[in-house]
Amino acid sequence: MALGIGGAEAQAQKWAHLGRYADANAALGAPEGPRVVLMGDSITDGWVSQRSDFFAATGFVGRGISGEESSQMLLRFRADVIDIQASMVVILAGINDIAYNLGDPYNEDLCFANIRSMVDLAWQNGIRPVVCSVLPSYELRWRPEVTDVFEKVCSLNARLKAFCERHSITYVDYGAVLSGADGRIREGLTTDTVHPTAAGYELMEKCLLEAIR
């Protein structure tokens, strides 16, 4: 049976997890000053839970959802960034695309286009976009068949950095503070090469604050 408009909307809301922050967004109210929103996946989601003091001290708003690819973030960008009157959005996306969490093979062009579309939406709505590098991961334990993770991360990051340089967009290079001599994320800073430890988040916080000040 074909879905009606209402059914299609319900599916889209579920697919993009639009209900996850609906109540929190409504409770925010109008910002009293600049509102910085961190848009991301489980790395951002875990950041809020592990380092709540950082978010309390800065007033940053975390809008990460575990497992999401960039296409899902793009679909909820209006609800979780634009409609809550962000003045700056910090975008961290890409590792779940590489892991093809939604089932489709990884397409760097599509992932890059989704991130670029989020940047475009920010610009169009008077929001300063900030683009972050994908963390220098080298293994996806839930997707062991992806054996070239680090190479794909480096390729996407090089493209994001070049894009930011061309358009004078702030680029946050987390690899600069998380990587070892081999360019990969260092032991002690990650639980599984993808998700940071508290020590890893602390380094990311310093990197982010330095980049956006």
C-alpha atoms as a PDB file:
ATOM      1  CA  MET A   1       0.000   0.000   0.000  1.00  0.00           C
ATOM      2  CA  ALA A   2       1.306   3.451  -0.915  1.00  0.00           C
ATOM      3  CA  LEU A   3       1.941   5.854   1.922  1.00  0.00           C
ATOM      4  CA  GLY A   4      -0.202   8.981   2.110  1.00  0.00           C
ATOM      5  CA  ILE A   5       1.316  12.351   2.909  1.00  0.00           C
ATOM      6  CA  GLY A   6       0.757  11.856   6.620  1.00  0.00           C
ATOM      7  CA  GLY A   7       2.393   8.428   6.539  1.00  0.00           C
ATOM      8  CA  ALA A   8       5.367   9.702   4.575  1.00  0.00           C
ATOM      9  CA  GLU A   9       5.868  12.533   7.056  1.00  0.00           C
ATOM     10  CA  ALA A  10       5.715  10.106   9.964  1.00  0.00           C
ATOM     11  CA  GLN A  11       8.297   7.884   8.291  1.00  0.00           C
ATOM     12  CA  ALA A  12      10.585  10.845   7.648  1.00  0.00           C
ATOM     13  CA  GLN A  13      10.279  11.989  11.262  1.00  0.00           C
ATOM     14  CA  LYS A  14      11.179   8.535  12.523  1.00  0.00           C
ATOM     15  CA  TRP A  15      14.036   8.127  10.023  1.00  0.00           C
ATOM     16  CA  ALA A  16      15.612  11.466  10.986  1.00  0.00           C
ATOM     17  CA  HIS A  17      14.774  11.095  14.697  1.00  0.00           C
ATOM     18  CA  LEU A  18      12.972  14.438  14.674  1.00  0.00           C
ATOM     19  CA  GLY A  19      11.281  13.612  17.971  1.00  0.00           C
ATOM     20  CA  ARG A  20      14.538  13.122  19.886  1.00  0.00           C
ATOM     21  CA  TYR A  21      15.004  16.797  20.741  1.00  0.00           C
ATOM     22  CA  ALA A  22      11.477  18.103  20.175  1.00  0.00           C
ATOM     23  CA  ASP A  23      10.751  18.737  23.853  1.00  0.00           C
ATOM     24  CA  ALA A  24      14.241  20.062  24.579  1.00  0.00           C
ATOM     25  CA  ASN A  25      14.009  22.442  21.635  1.00  0.00           C
ATOM     26  CA  ALA A  26      10.630  23.742  22.781  1.00  0.00           C
ATOM     27  CA  ALA A  27      11.995  24.301  26.286  1.00  0.00           C
ATOM     28  CA  LEU A  28      14.946  26.385  25.097  1.00  0.00           C
ATOM     29  CA  GLY A  29      12.998  29.510  24.312  1.00  0.00           C
ATOM     30  CA  ALA A  30      14.547  32.505  22.598  1.00  0.00           C
ATOM     31  CA  PRO A  31      18.305  32.863  23.121  1.00  0.00           C
ATOM     32  CA  GLU A  32      19.482  35.651  25.408  1.00  0.00           C
ATOM     33  CA  GLY A  33      22.823  35.787  23.581  1.00  0.00           C
ATOM     34  CA  PRO A  34      24.702  33.848  20.905  1.00  0.00           C
ATOM     35  CA  ARG A  35      23.548  30.243  20.698  1.00  0.00           C
ATOM     36  CA  VAL A  36      26.118  27.661  19.564  1.00  0.00           C
ATOM     37  CA  VAL A  37      24.693  24.314  18.469  1.00  0.00           C
ATOM     38  CA  LEU A  38      26.799  21.176  18.012  1.00  0.00           C
ATOM     39  CA  MET A  39      25.233  19.028  15.294  1.00  0.00           C
ATOM     40  CA  GLY A  40      26.497  15.478  15.067  1.00  0.00           C
ATOM     41  CA  ASP A  41      26.215  11.778  15.730  1.00  0.00           C
ATOM     42  CA  SER A  42      27.167   9.611  18.734  1.00  0.00           C
ATOM     43  CA  ILE A  43      30.442  11.485  19.191  1.00  0.00           C
ATOM     44  CA  THR A  44      28.485  14.672  19.894  1.00  0.00           C
ATOM     45  CA  ASP A  45      25.791  12.763  21.778  1.00  0.00           C
ATOM     46  CA  GLY A  46      28.394  11.197  24.060  1.00  0.00           C
ATOM     47  CA  TRP A  47      30.147  14.524  24.495  1.00  0.00           C
ATOM     48  CA  VAL A  48      27.098  15.981  26.207  1.00  0.00           C
ATOM     49  CA  SER A  49      26.684  13.014  28.539  1.00  0.00           C
ATOM     50  CA  GLN A  50      30.367  12.641  29.418  1.00  0.00           C
ATOM     51  CA  ARG A  51      31.280  16.321  29.646  1.00  0.00           C
ATOM     52  CA  SER A  52      28.100  18.011  30.841  1.00  0.00           C
ATOM     53  CA  ASP A  53      30.130  20.601  32.753  1.00  0.00           C
ATOM     54  CA  PHE A  54      31.624  21.858  29.499  1.00  0.00           C
ATOM     55  CA  PHE A  55      28.183  22.435  28.001  1.00  0.00           C
ATOM     56  CA  ALA A  56      26.932  24.065  31.189  1.00  0.00           C
ATOM     57  CA  ALA A  57      29.912  26.405  31.293  1.00  0.00           C
ATOM     58  CA  THR A  58      29.775  27.403  27.618  1.00  0.00           C
ATOM     59  CA  GLY A  59      26.023  27.331  27.077  1.00  0.00           C
ATOM     60  CA  PHE A  60      26.572  25.202  23.978  1.00  0.00           C
ATOM     61  CA  VAL A  61      23.606  23.122  22.827  1.00  0.00           C
ATOM     62  CA  GLY A  62      24.301  19.495  21.903  1.00  0.00           C
ATOM     63  CA  ARG A  63      22.235  17.979  19.120  1.00  0.00           C
ATOM     64  CA  GLY A  64      23.964  14.676  18.420  1.00  0.00           C
ATOM     65  CA  ILE A  65      22.149  11.419  17.690  1.00  0.00           C
ATOM     66  CA  SER A  66      23.941   8.101  17.857  1.00  0.00           C
ATOM     67  CA  GLY A  67      24.278   6.204  14.602  1.00  0.00           C
ATOM     68  CA  GLU A  68      23.153   8.979  12.277  1.00  0.00           C
ATOM     69  CA  GLU A  69      24.586   9.542   8.828  1.00  0.00           C
ATOM     70  CA  SER A  70      24.937  13.017   7.325  1.00  0.00           C
ATOM     71  CA  SER A  71      21.689  12.653   5.347  1.00  0.00           C
ATOM     72  CA  GLN A  72      19.704  12.245   8.572  1.00  0.00           C
ATOM     73  CA  MET A  73      21.399  15.268  10.117  1.00  0.00           C
ATOM     74  CA  LEU A  74      20.556  17.302   7.029  1.00  0.00           C
ATOM     75  CA  LEU A  75      16.874  16.404   7.304  1.00  0.00           C
ATOM     76  CA  ARG A  76      16.663  17.491  10.962  1.00  0.00           C
ATOM     77  CA  PHE A  77      18.883  20.554  10.504  1.00  0.00           C
ATOM     78  CA  ARG A  78      15.929  22.944  10.436  1.00  0.00           C
ATOM     79  CA  ALA A  79      14.340  21.569  13.594  1.00  0.00           C
ATOM     80  CA  ASP A  80      17.545  21.202  15.609  1.00  0.00           C
ATOM     81  CA  VAL A  81      19.529  24.220  14.400  1.00  0.00           C
ATOM     82  CA  ILE A  82      17.568  26.837  12.458  1.00  0.00           C
ATOM     83  CA  ASP A  83      14.314  26.765  14.414  1.00  0.00           C
ATOM     84  CA  ILE A  84      16.081  27.098  17.773  1.00  0.00           C
ATOM     85  CA  GLN A  85      17.731  30.312  16.536  1.00  0.00           C
ATOM     86  CA  ALA A  86      21.332  29.186  16.511  1.00  0.00           C
ATOM     87  CA  SER A  87      23.922  31.853  15.789  1.00  0.00           C
ATOM     88  CA  MET A  88      26.637  29.253  15.117  1.00  0.00           C
ATOM     89  CA  VAL A  89      26.485  25.570  14.193  1.00  0.00           C
ATOM     90  CA  VAL A  90      29.404  23.186  14.643  1.00  0.00           C
ATOM     91  CA  ILE A  91      28.997  20.268  12.223  1.00  0.00           C
ATOM     92  CA  LEU A  92      30.684  16.927  12.902  1.00  0.00           C
ATOM     93  CA  ALA A  93      29.548  14.215  10.487  1.00  0.00           C
ATOM     94  CA  GLY A  94      30.846  11.450   8.288  1.00  0.00           C
ATOM     95  CA  ILE A  95      32.003   8.407  10.249  1.00  0.00           C
ATOM     96  CA  ASN A  96      28.609   6.692  10.073  1.00  0.00           C
ATOM     97  CA  ASP A  97      28.465   7.352   6.335  1.00  0.00           C
ATOM     98  CA  ILE A  98      31.786   5.531   6.033  1.00  0.00           C
ATOM     99  CA  ALA A  99      30.265   2.720   8.113  1.00  0.00           C
ATOM    100  CA  TYR A 100      27.167   2.789   5.841  1.00  0.00           C
ATOM    101  CA  ASN A 101      24.911   2.574   8.874  1.00  0.00           C
ATOM    102  CA  LEU A 102      21.833   3.013   6.689  1.00  0.00           C
ATOM    103  CA  GLY A 103      22.828   0.065   4.494  1.00  0.00           C
ATOM    104  CA  ASP A 104      23.902   1.824   1.308  1.00  0.00           C
ATOM    105  CA  PRO A 105      27.580   1.724   0.223  1.00  0.00           C
ATOM    106  CA  TYR A 106      29.645   4.740   1.274  1.00  0.00           C
ATOM    107  CA  ASN A 107      29.618   7.572  -1.246  1.00  0.00           C
ATOM    108  CA  GLU A 108      32.071  10.355  -0.395  1.00  0.00           C
ATOM    109  CA  ASP A 109      30.463  12.723  -2.907  1.00  0.00           C
ATOM    110  CA  LEU A 110      27.076  12.341  -1.228  1.00  0.00           C
ATOM    111  CA  CYS A 111      28.481  12.711   2.285  1.00  0.00           C
ATOM    112  CA  PHE A 112      30.381  15.841   1.270  1.00  0.00           C
ATOM    113  CA  ALA A 113      27.267  17.231  -0.452  1.00  0.00           C
ATOM    114  CA  ASN A 114      25.173  16.688   2.685  1.00  0.00           C
ATOM    115  CA  ILE A 115      27.681  18.558   4.845  1.00  0.00           C
ATOM    116  CA  ARG A 116      27.899  21.315   2.256  1.00  0.00           C
ATOM    117  CA  SER A 117      24.091  21.559   2.213  1.00  0.00           C
ATOM    118  CA  MET A 118      24.074  22.039   5.979  1.00  0.00           C
ATOM    119  CA  VAL A 119      26.613  24.840   5.515  1.00  0.00           C
ATOM    120  CA  ASP A 120      24.405  26.401   2.833  1.00  0.00           C
ATOM    121  CA  LEU A 121      21.347  26.244   5.095  1.00  0.00           C
ATOM    122  CA  ALA A 122      23.301  27.903   7.871  1.00  0.00           C
ATOM    123  CA  TRP A 123      24.453  30.733   5.611  1.00  0.00           C
ATOM    124  CA  GLN A 124      20.956  31.278   4.266  1.00  0.00           C
ATOM    125  CA  ASN A 125      19.636  31.687   7.790  1.00  0.00           C
ATOM    126  CA  GLY A 126      22.335  33.977   9.166  1.00  0.00           C
ATOM    127  CA  ILE A 127      24.076  31.200  11.108  1.00  0.00           C
ATOM    128  CA  ARG A 128      27.858  30.925  11.171  1.00  0.00           C
ATOM    129  CA  PRO A 129      28.862  27.422  10.013  1.00  0.00           C
ATOM    130  CA  VAL A 130      31.847  25.622  11.501  1.00  0.00           C
ATOM    131  CA  VAL A 131      32.965  22.340   9.933  1.00  0.00           C
ATOM    132  CA  CYS A 132      34.878  19.715  11.918  1.00  0.00           C
ATOM    133  CA  SER A 133      37.204  17.017  10.714  1.00  0.00           C
ATOM    134  CA  VAL A 134      36.091  13.449  11.155  1.00  0.00           C
ATOM    135  CA  LEU A 135      38.051  11.970  14.044  1.00  0.00           C
ATOM    136  CA  PRO A 136      41.117   9.989  12.848  1.00  0.00           C
ATOM    137  CA  SER A 137      39.489   6.593  13.331  1.00  0.00           C
ATOM    138  CA  TYR A 138      40.942   3.465  11.798  1.00  0.00           C
ATOM    139  CA  GLU A 139      38.554   0.676  12.791  1.00  0.00           C
ATOM    140  CA  LEU A 140      34.787   0.241  12.913  1.00  0.00           C
ATOM    141  CA  ARG A 141      34.166  -2.594  15.326  1.00  0.00           C
ATOM    142  CA  TRP A 142      30.494  -2.812  14.403  1.00  0.00           C
ATOM    143  CA  ARG A 143      31.455  -2.915  10.707  1.00  0.00           C
ATOM    144  CA  PRO A 144      34.671  -4.993  10.484  1.00  0.00           C
ATOM    145  CA  GLU A 145      34.302  -5.520   6.745  1.00  0.00           C
ATOM    146  CA  VAL A 146      35.239  -1.858   6.193  1.00  0.00           C
ATOM    147  CA  THR A 147      39.013  -2.223   6.178  1.00  0.00           C
ATOM    148  CA  ASP A 148      40.055   1.148   4.734  1.00  0.00           C
ATOM    149  CA  VAL A 149      38.446   3.364   7.355  1.00  0.00           C
ATOM    150  CA  PHE A 150      41.464   5.600   7.954  1.00  0.00           C
ATOM    151  CA  GLU A 151      42.013   6.198   4.245  1.00  0.00           C
ATOM    152  CA  LYS A 152      38.372   7.206   3.787  1.00  0.00           C
ATOM    153  CA  VAL A 153      38.509   9.503   6.806  1.00  0.00           C
ATOM    154  CA  CYS A 154      41.637  11.211   5.447  1.00  0.00           C
ATOM    155  CA  SER A 155      40.100  11.628   1.989  1.00  0.00           C
ATOM    156  CA  LEU A 156      36.895  13.200   3.326  1.00  0.00           C
ATOM    157  CA  ASN A 157      38.809  15.448   5.713  1.00  0.00           C
ATOM    158  CA  ALA A 158      41.074  16.715   2.947  1.00  0.00           C
ATOM    159  CA  ARG A 159      38.016  17.622   0.912  1.00  0.00           C
ATOM    160  CA  LEU A 160      36.284  19.338   3.827  1.00  0.00           C
ATOM    161  CA  LYS A 161      39.398  21.319   4.702  1.00  0.00           C
ATOM    162  CA  ALA A 162      39.871  22.494   1.102  1.00  0.00           C
ATOM    163  CA  PHE A 163      36.206  23.500   0.909  1.00  0.00           C
ATOM    164  CA  CYS A 164      36.490  25.506   4.119  1.00  0.00           C
ATOM    165  CA  GLU A 165      39.642  27.239   2.944  1.00  0.00           C
ATOM    166  CA  ARG A 166      38.006  28.222  -0.359  1.00  0.00           C
ATOM    167  CA  HIS A 167      34.980  29.715   1.363  1.00  0.00           C
ATOM    168  CA  SER A 168      36.582  31.162   4.511  1.00  0.00           C
ATOM    169  CA  ILE A 169      34.740  28.761   6.795  1.00  0.00           C
ATOM    170  CA  THR A 170      36.192  27.848  10.175  1.00  0.00           C
ATOM    171  CA  TYR A 171      37.577  24.309  10.048  1.00  0.00           C
ATOM    172  CA  VAL A 172      38.218  22.465  13.308  1.00  0.00           C
ATOM    173  CA  ASP A 173      40.969  19.882  12.895  1.00  0.00           C
ATOM    174  CA  TYR A 174      40.496  17.446  15.764  1.00  0.00           C
ATOM    175  CA  GLY A 175      43.171  15.221  14.302  1.00  0.00           C
ATOM    176  CA  ALA A 176      45.753  17.846  15.236  1.00  0.00           C
ATOM    177  CA  VAL A 177      45.191  17.123  18.927  1.00  0.00           C
ATOM    178  CA  LEU A 178      44.049  13.492  18.851  1.00  0.00           C
ATOM    179  CA  SER A 179      46.512  11.892  16.404  1.00  0.00           C
ATOM    180  CA  GLY A 180      49.719  10.052  17.125  1.00  0.00           C
ATOM    181  CA  ALA A 181      52.771   9.927  14.888  1.00  0.00           C
ATOM    182  CA  ASP A 182      50.965   7.630  12.448  1.00  0.00           C
ATOM    183  CA  GLY A 183      48.064  10.074  12.087  1.00  0.00           C
ATOM    184  CA  ARG A 184      45.613   7.786  13.844  1.00  0.00           C
ATOM    185  CA  ILE A 185      43.793   8.519  17.077  1.00  0.00           C
ATOM    186  CA  ARG A 186      45.996   7.756  20.071  1.00  0.00           C
ATOM    187  CA  GLU A 187      45.329   5.094  22.672  1.00  0.00           C
ATOM    188  CA  GLY A 188      43.899   6.570  25.839  1.00  0.00           C
ATOM    189  CA  LEU A 189      41.908   9.129  23.859  1.00  0.00           C
ATOM    190  CA  THR A 190      39.333   6.704  22.483  1.00  0.00           C
ATOM    191  CA  THR A 191      37.354   3.716  23.648  1.00  0.00           C
ATOM    192  CA  ASP A 192      37.125   2.038  20.233  1.00  0.00           C
ATOM    193  CA  THR A 193      39.018   4.301  17.718  1.00  0.00           C
ATOM    194  CA  VAL A 194      35.749   6.156  17.029  1.00  0.00           C
ATOM    195  CA  HIS A 195      34.389   7.481  20.328  1.00  0.00           C
ATOM    196  CA  PRO A 196      36.572   9.683  22.554  1.00  0.00           C
ATOM    197  CA  THR A 197      37.321   9.118  26.201  1.00  0.00           C
ATOM    198  CA  ALA A 198      36.844  12.006  28.629  1.00  0.00           C
ATOM    199  CA  ALA A 199      40.491  12.922  28.004  1.00  0.00           C
ATOM    200  CA  GLY A 200      39.842  12.942  24.281  1.00  0.00           C
ATOM    201  CA  TYR A 201      36.853  15.213  24.690  1.00  0.00           C
ATOM    202  CA  GLU A 202      38.888  17.618  26.804  1.00  0.00           C
ATOM    203  CA  LEU A 203      41.404  17.991  23.969  1.00  0.00           C
ATOM    204  CA  MET A 204      38.566  18.462  21.475  1.00  0.00           C
ATOM    205  CA  GLU A 205      37.061  21.187  23.653  1.00  0.00           C
ATOM    206  CA  LYS A 206      40.276  23.164  23.692  1.00  0.00           C
ATOM    207  CA  CYS A 207      40.650  22.709  19.942  1.00  0.00           C
ATOM    208  CA  LEU A 208      37.091  23.850  19.269  1.00  0.00           C
ATOM    209  CA  LEU A 209      37.233  26.890  21.540  1.00  0.00           C
ATOM    210  CA  GLU A 210      40.532  27.976  20.013  1.00  0.00           C
ATOM    211  CA  ALA A 211      39.132  27.647  16.496  1.00  0.00           C
ATOM    212  CA  ILE A 212      35.904  29.605  17.033  1.00  0.00           C
ATOM    213  CA  ARG A 213      37.031  32.413  19.326  1.00  0.00           C
END
